[in-house]
Amino acid sequence: MNVRERATEIIAQHDKSLFNDEDWRTFFDMLENPQKPTVRMKKSANKYKMIIAANNLCNYQYKK
């Protein structure tokens, strides 16, 4: 078996989702009824926004 065949085999194994009925119900329920963001989630979102804003500012200044 060559590298490409082995890689294809590994990817195929990881592409399979083995969910039972309860797993699917839980998954879709969480999509339809997401939890409220926690304090930690809010802090992470704000930090991400600051990083993106700083990066955009640096890119803007660099392009001038």
C-alpha atoms as a PDB file:
ATOM      1  CA  MET A   1       0.000   0.000   0.000  1.00  0.00           C
ATOM      2  CA  ASN A   2       1.442   3.350  -1.000  1.00  0.00           C
ATOM      3  CA  VAL A   3       1.216   6.586   0.959  1.00  0.00           C
ATOM      4  CA  ARG A   4      -1.709   7.967  -1.053  1.00  0.00           C
ATOM      5  CA  GLU A   5      -3.775   4.802  -0.555  1.00  0.00           C
ATOM      6  CA  ARG A   6      -3.023   4.772   3.170  1.00  0.00           C
ATOM      7  CA  ALA A   7      -3.928   8.475   3.501  1.00  0.00           C
ATOM      8  CA  THR A   8      -7.199   7.905   1.659  1.00  0.00           C
ATOM      9  CA  GLU A   9      -7.988   4.996   3.966  1.00  0.00           C
ATOM     10  CA  ILE A  10      -7.279   7.053   7.108  1.00  0.00           C
ATOM     11  CA  ILE A  11      -9.390   9.976   5.880  1.00  0.00           C
ATOM     12  CA  ALA A  12     -12.258   7.635   5.036  1.00  0.00           C
ATOM     13  CA  GLN A  13     -12.154   6.196   8.555  1.00  0.00           C
ATOM     14  CA  HIS A  14     -12.314   9.671  10.102  1.00  0.00           C
ATOM     15  CA  ASP A  15     -15.116  10.833   7.801  1.00  0.00           C
ATOM     16  CA  LYS A  16     -17.492   8.250   9.224  1.00  0.00           C
ATOM     17  CA  SER A  17     -19.746   9.559  11.969  1.00  0.00           C
ATOM     18  CA  LEU A  18     -21.077   6.752  14.068  1.00  0.00           C
ATOM     19  CA  PHE A  19     -24.021   8.404  15.826  1.00  0.00           C
ATOM     20  CA  ASN A  20     -26.945   6.525  17.258  1.00  0.00           C
ATOM     21  CA  ASP A  21     -30.474   7.986  17.278  1.00  0.00           C
ATOM     22  CA  GLU A  22     -30.012   9.660  20.653  1.00  0.00           C
ATOM     23  CA  ASP A  23     -26.725  11.253  19.518  1.00  0.00           C
ATOM     24  CA  TRP A  24     -28.478  12.738  16.476  1.00  0.00           C
ATOM     25  CA  ARG A  25     -31.375  14.054  18.567  1.00  0.00           C
ATOM     26  CA  THR A  26     -28.945  15.643  21.021  1.00  0.00           C
ATOM     27  CA  PHE A  27     -26.889  17.161  18.210  1.00  0.00           C
ATOM     28  CA  PHE A  28     -29.877  18.742  16.462  1.00  0.00           C
ATOM     29  CA  ASP A  29     -31.439  19.836  19.746  1.00  0.00           C
ATOM     30  CA  MET A  30     -28.245  21.712  20.607  1.00  0.00           C
ATOM     31  CA  LEU A  31     -28.266  23.373  17.171  1.00  0.00           C
ATOM     32  CA  GLU A  32     -31.876  24.438  17.553  1.00  0.00           C
ATOM     33  CA  ASN A  33     -31.606  25.401  21.238  1.00  0.00           C
ATOM     34  CA  PRO A  34     -28.047  26.594  21.902  1.00  0.00           C
ATOM     35  CA  GLN A  35     -26.917  27.227  25.455  1.00  0.00           C
ATOM     36  CA  LYS A  36     -26.443  30.776  26.669  1.00  0.00           C
ATOM     37  CA  PRO A  37     -22.800  31.878  26.404  1.00  0.00           C
ATOM     38  CA  THR A  38     -20.790  31.462  29.586  1.00  0.00           C
ATOM     39  CA  VAL A  39     -18.521  34.166  30.989  1.00  0.00           C
ATOM     40  CA  ARG A  40     -15.528  32.230  29.626  1.00  0.00           C
ATOM     41  CA  MET A  41     -17.094  32.062  26.149  1.00  0.00           C
ATOM     42  CA  LYS A  42     -17.802  35.800  26.194  1.00  0.00           C
ATOM     43  CA  LYS A  43     -14.224  36.584  27.248  1.00  0.00           C
ATOM     44  CA  SER A  44     -12.884  34.365  24.478  1.00  0.00           C
ATOM     45  CA  ALA A  45     -15.116  36.031  21.884  1.00  0.00           C
ATOM     46  CA  ASN A  46     -13.989  39.492  22.997  1.00  0.00           C
ATOM     47  CA  LYS A  47     -10.331  38.450  22.907  1.00  0.00           C
ATOM     48  CA  TYR A  48     -10.808  37.040  19.397  1.00  0.00           C
ATOM     49  CA  LYS A  49     -12.435  40.294  18.251  1.00  0.00           C
ATOM     50  CA  MET A  50      -9.530  42.312  19.671  1.00  0.00           C
ATOM     51  CA  ILE A  51      -6.976  40.093  17.923  1.00  0.00           C
ATOM     52  CA  ILE A  52      -8.821  40.374  14.599  1.00  0.00           C
ATOM     53  CA  ALA A  53      -9.187  44.155  14.956  1.00  0.00           C
ATOM     54  CA  ALA A  54      -5.486  44.551  15.769  1.00  0.00           C
ATOM     55  CA  ASN A  55      -4.534  42.339  12.825  1.00  0.00           C
ATOM     56  CA  ASN A  56      -6.766  44.325  10.467  1.00  0.00           C
ATOM     57  CA  LEU A  57      -5.238  47.592  11.717  1.00  0.00           C
ATOM     58  CA  CYS A  58      -1.711  46.258  11.177  1.00  0.00           C
ATOM     59  CA  ASN A  59      -2.599  45.075   7.673  1.00  0.00           C
ATOM     60  CA  TYR A  60      -4.169  48.460   6.866  1.00  0.00           C
ATOM     61  CA  GLN A  61      -1.109  50.362   8.085  1.00  0.00           C
ATOM     62  CA  TYR A  62       1.229  48.018   6.244  1.00  0.00           C
ATOM     63  CA  LYS A  63      -0.582  48.467   2.923  1.00  0.00           C
ATOM     64  CA  LYS A  64      -0.340  52.277   3.000  1.00  0.00           C
END
